[in-house]
């Protein structure tokens, strides 16, 4: 079982690295295509930590997922959503 935990942790780190290398994949694109984004991962991280008796602030989880403070990532990498992206996002609500 310990090996599974190590593998799962390594996969999570690899996912974060992949997302970091694909800053062109905007959160709205991820939401529209896959139904989750970097913010979702951050929320899941907080929820799973809480379930296991560990408290972590949402902004701290975001920094872990984004590799920097979210405000910095947003300023450097987040683009304005297009009307088409917003329409696709809103159609799934």
C-alpha atoms as a PDB file:
ATOM      1  CA  UNK A   1       0.000   0.000   0.000  1.00  0.00           C
ATOM      2  CA  UNK A   2       2.833   2.418   0.789  1.00  0.00           C
ATOM      3  CA  UNK A   3       4.061   1.971  -2.775  1.00  0.00           C
ATOM      4  CA  UNK A   4       0.643   3.079  -4.070  1.00  0.00           C
ATOM      5  CA  UNK A   5       0.813   6.239  -1.964  1.00  0.00           C
ATOM      6  CA  UNK A   6       4.278   7.004  -3.304  1.00  0.00           C
ATOM      7  CA  UNK A   7       3.098   6.415  -6.875  1.00  0.00           C
ATOM      8  CA  UNK A   8      -0.001   8.568  -6.382  1.00  0.00           C
ATOM      9  CA  UNK A   9       2.105  11.355  -4.856  1.00  0.00           C
ATOM     10  CA  UNK A  10       4.535  11.161  -7.782  1.00  0.00           C
ATOM     11  CA  UNK A  11       1.637  11.306 -10.260  1.00  0.00           C
ATOM     12  CA  UNK A  12       0.241  14.372  -8.488  1.00  0.00           C
ATOM     13  CA  UNK A  13       3.647  16.083  -8.637  1.00  0.00           C
ATOM     14  CA  UNK A  14       3.890  15.173 -12.324  1.00  0.00           C
ATOM     15  CA  UNK A  15       0.413  16.615 -12.983  1.00  0.00           C
ATOM     16  CA  UNK A  16       1.412  19.867 -11.266  1.00  0.00           C
ATOM     17  CA  UNK A  17       4.641  19.990 -13.298  1.00  0.00           C
ATOM     18  CA  UNK A  18       2.704  19.357 -16.497  1.00  0.00           C
ATOM     19  CA  UNK A  19       0.225  22.134 -15.698  1.00  0.00           C
ATOM     20  CA  UNK A  20       3.126  24.430 -14.848  1.00  0.00           C
ATOM     21  CA  UNK A  21       4.668  23.714 -18.241  1.00  0.00           C
ATOM     22  CA  UNK A  22       1.320  24.355 -19.944  1.00  0.00           C
ATOM     23  CA  UNK A  23       0.468  27.823 -18.729  1.00  0.00           C
ATOM     24  CA  UNK A  24      -1.183  28.299 -22.132  1.00  0.00           C
ATOM     25  CA  UNK A  25      -3.878  25.908 -20.920  1.00  0.00           C
ATOM     26  CA  UNK A  26      -6.067  28.442 -19.184  1.00  0.00           C
ATOM     27  CA  UNK A  27      -8.306  27.433 -16.283  1.00  0.00           C
ATOM     28  CA  UNK A  28     -11.427  28.165 -18.304  1.00  0.00           C
ATOM     29  CA  UNK A  29     -10.158  25.822 -21.039  1.00  0.00           C
ATOM     30  CA  UNK A  30      -9.565  23.097 -18.457  1.00  0.00           C
ATOM     31  CA  UNK A  31     -13.032  23.638 -16.974  1.00  0.00           C
ATOM     32  CA  UNK A  32     -14.696  23.546 -20.385  1.00  0.00           C
ATOM     33  CA  UNK A  33     -12.876  20.402 -21.495  1.00  0.00           C
ATOM     34  CA  UNK A  34     -12.346  18.421 -18.315  1.00  0.00           C
ATOM     35  CA  UNK A  35     -14.651  19.916 -15.693  1.00  0.00           C
ATOM     36  CA  UNK A  36     -11.821  20.879 -13.343  1.00  0.00           C
ATOM     37  CA  UNK A  37      -9.006  23.413 -13.187  1.00  0.00           C
ATOM     38  CA  UNK A  38      -6.064  24.439 -11.034  1.00  0.00           C
ATOM     39  CA  UNK A  39      -8.429  26.103  -8.553  1.00  0.00           C
ATOM     40  CA  UNK A  40     -10.388  22.851  -8.263  1.00  0.00           C
ATOM     41  CA  UNK A  41      -7.163  20.988  -7.471  1.00  0.00           C
ATOM     42  CA  UNK A  42      -6.467  23.558  -4.765  1.00  0.00           C
ATOM     43  CA  UNK A  43      -9.937  23.090  -3.268  1.00  0.00           C
ATOM     44  CA  UNK A  44      -9.574  19.307  -3.383  1.00  0.00           C
ATOM     45  CA  UNK A  45      -6.206  19.611  -1.639  1.00  0.00           C
ATOM     46  CA  UNK A  46      -7.776  21.642   1.174  1.00  0.00           C
ATOM     47  CA  UNK A  47     -10.705  19.223   1.473  1.00  0.00           C
ATOM     48  CA  UNK A  48      -8.501  16.124   1.627  1.00  0.00           C
ATOM     49  CA  UNK A  49      -6.161  17.754   4.143  1.00  0.00           C
ATOM     50  CA  UNK A  50      -9.118  18.723   6.328  1.00  0.00           C
ATOM     51  CA  UNK A  51     -10.561  15.217   6.101  1.00  0.00           C
ATOM     52  CA  UNK A  52      -7.251  13.910   7.434  1.00  0.00           C
ATOM     53  CA  UNK A  53      -7.087  16.399  10.306  1.00  0.00           C
ATOM     54  CA  UNK A  54      -4.653  18.844   8.696  1.00  0.00           C
ATOM     55  CA  UNK A  55      -5.596  22.450   8.153  1.00  0.00           C
ATOM     56  CA  UNK A  56      -4.277  24.300   5.131  1.00  0.00           C
ATOM     57  CA  UNK A  57      -5.454  27.657   3.889  1.00  0.00           C
ATOM     58  CA  UNK A  58      -6.919  27.783   0.388  1.00  0.00           C
ATOM     59  CA  UNK A  59      -4.366  30.392  -0.716  1.00  0.00           C
ATOM     60  CA  UNK A  60      -1.538  28.152   0.514  1.00  0.00           C
ATOM     61  CA  UNK A  61      -2.969  25.239  -1.464  1.00  0.00           C
ATOM     62  CA  UNK A  62      -3.252  27.480  -4.512  1.00  0.00           C
ATOM     63  CA  UNK A  63       0.400  28.443  -4.174  1.00  0.00           C
ATOM     64  CA  UNK A  64       1.313  24.766  -4.048  1.00  0.00           C
ATOM     65  CA  UNK A  65      -0.713  24.055  -7.211  1.00  0.00           C
ATOM     66  CA  UNK A  66       0.304  27.186  -9.132  1.00  0.00           C
ATOM     67  CA  UNK A  67       3.935  27.152  -7.978  1.00  0.00           C
ATOM     68  CA  UNK A  68       3.633  30.795  -6.919  1.00  0.00           C
ATOM     69  CA  UNK A  69       1.027  33.028  -5.267  1.00  0.00           C
ATOM     70  CA  UNK A  70      -2.166  32.940  -7.322  1.00  0.00           C
ATOM     71  CA  UNK A  71      -2.207  36.726  -7.710  1.00  0.00           C
ATOM     72  CA  UNK A  72       1.253  36.562  -9.302  1.00  0.00           C
ATOM     73  CA  UNK A  73       0.291  33.671 -11.610  1.00  0.00           C
ATOM     74  CA  UNK A  74      -2.893  35.466 -12.629  1.00  0.00           C
ATOM     75  CA  UNK A  75      -0.983  38.660 -13.443  1.00  0.00           C
ATOM     76  CA  UNK A  76       1.693  36.836 -15.451  1.00  0.00           C
ATOM     77  CA  UNK A  77      -0.256  34.079 -17.189  1.00  0.00           C
ATOM     78  CA  UNK A  78      -4.043  34.421 -17.067  1.00  0.00           C
ATOM     79  CA  UNK A  79      -5.651  35.799 -20.190  1.00  0.00           C
ATOM     80  CA  UNK A  80      -9.059  37.399 -20.480  1.00  0.00           C
ATOM     81  CA  UNK A  81     -11.656  34.750 -21.284  1.00  0.00           C
ATOM     82  CA  UNK A  82     -13.145  35.041 -24.742  1.00  0.00           C
ATOM     83  CA  UNK A  83     -16.909  35.316 -25.237  1.00  0.00           C
ATOM     84  CA  UNK A  84     -16.806  31.788 -26.703  1.00  0.00           C
ATOM     85  CA  UNK A  85     -15.016  30.391 -23.652  1.00  0.00           C
ATOM     86  CA  UNK A  86     -17.473  32.077 -21.302  1.00  0.00           C
ATOM     87  CA  UNK A  87     -20.469  30.851 -23.316  1.00  0.00           C
ATOM     88  CA  UNK A  88     -19.151  27.278 -23.202  1.00  0.00           C
ATOM     89  CA  UNK A  89     -18.490  27.580 -19.466  1.00  0.00           C
ATOM     90  CA  UNK A  90     -21.926  29.046 -18.722  1.00  0.00           C
ATOM     91  CA  UNK A  91     -23.701  26.433 -20.831  1.00  0.00           C
ATOM     92  CA  UNK A  92     -22.437  23.700 -18.481  1.00  0.00           C
ATOM     93  CA  UNK A  93     -23.773  25.244 -15.280  1.00  0.00           C
END
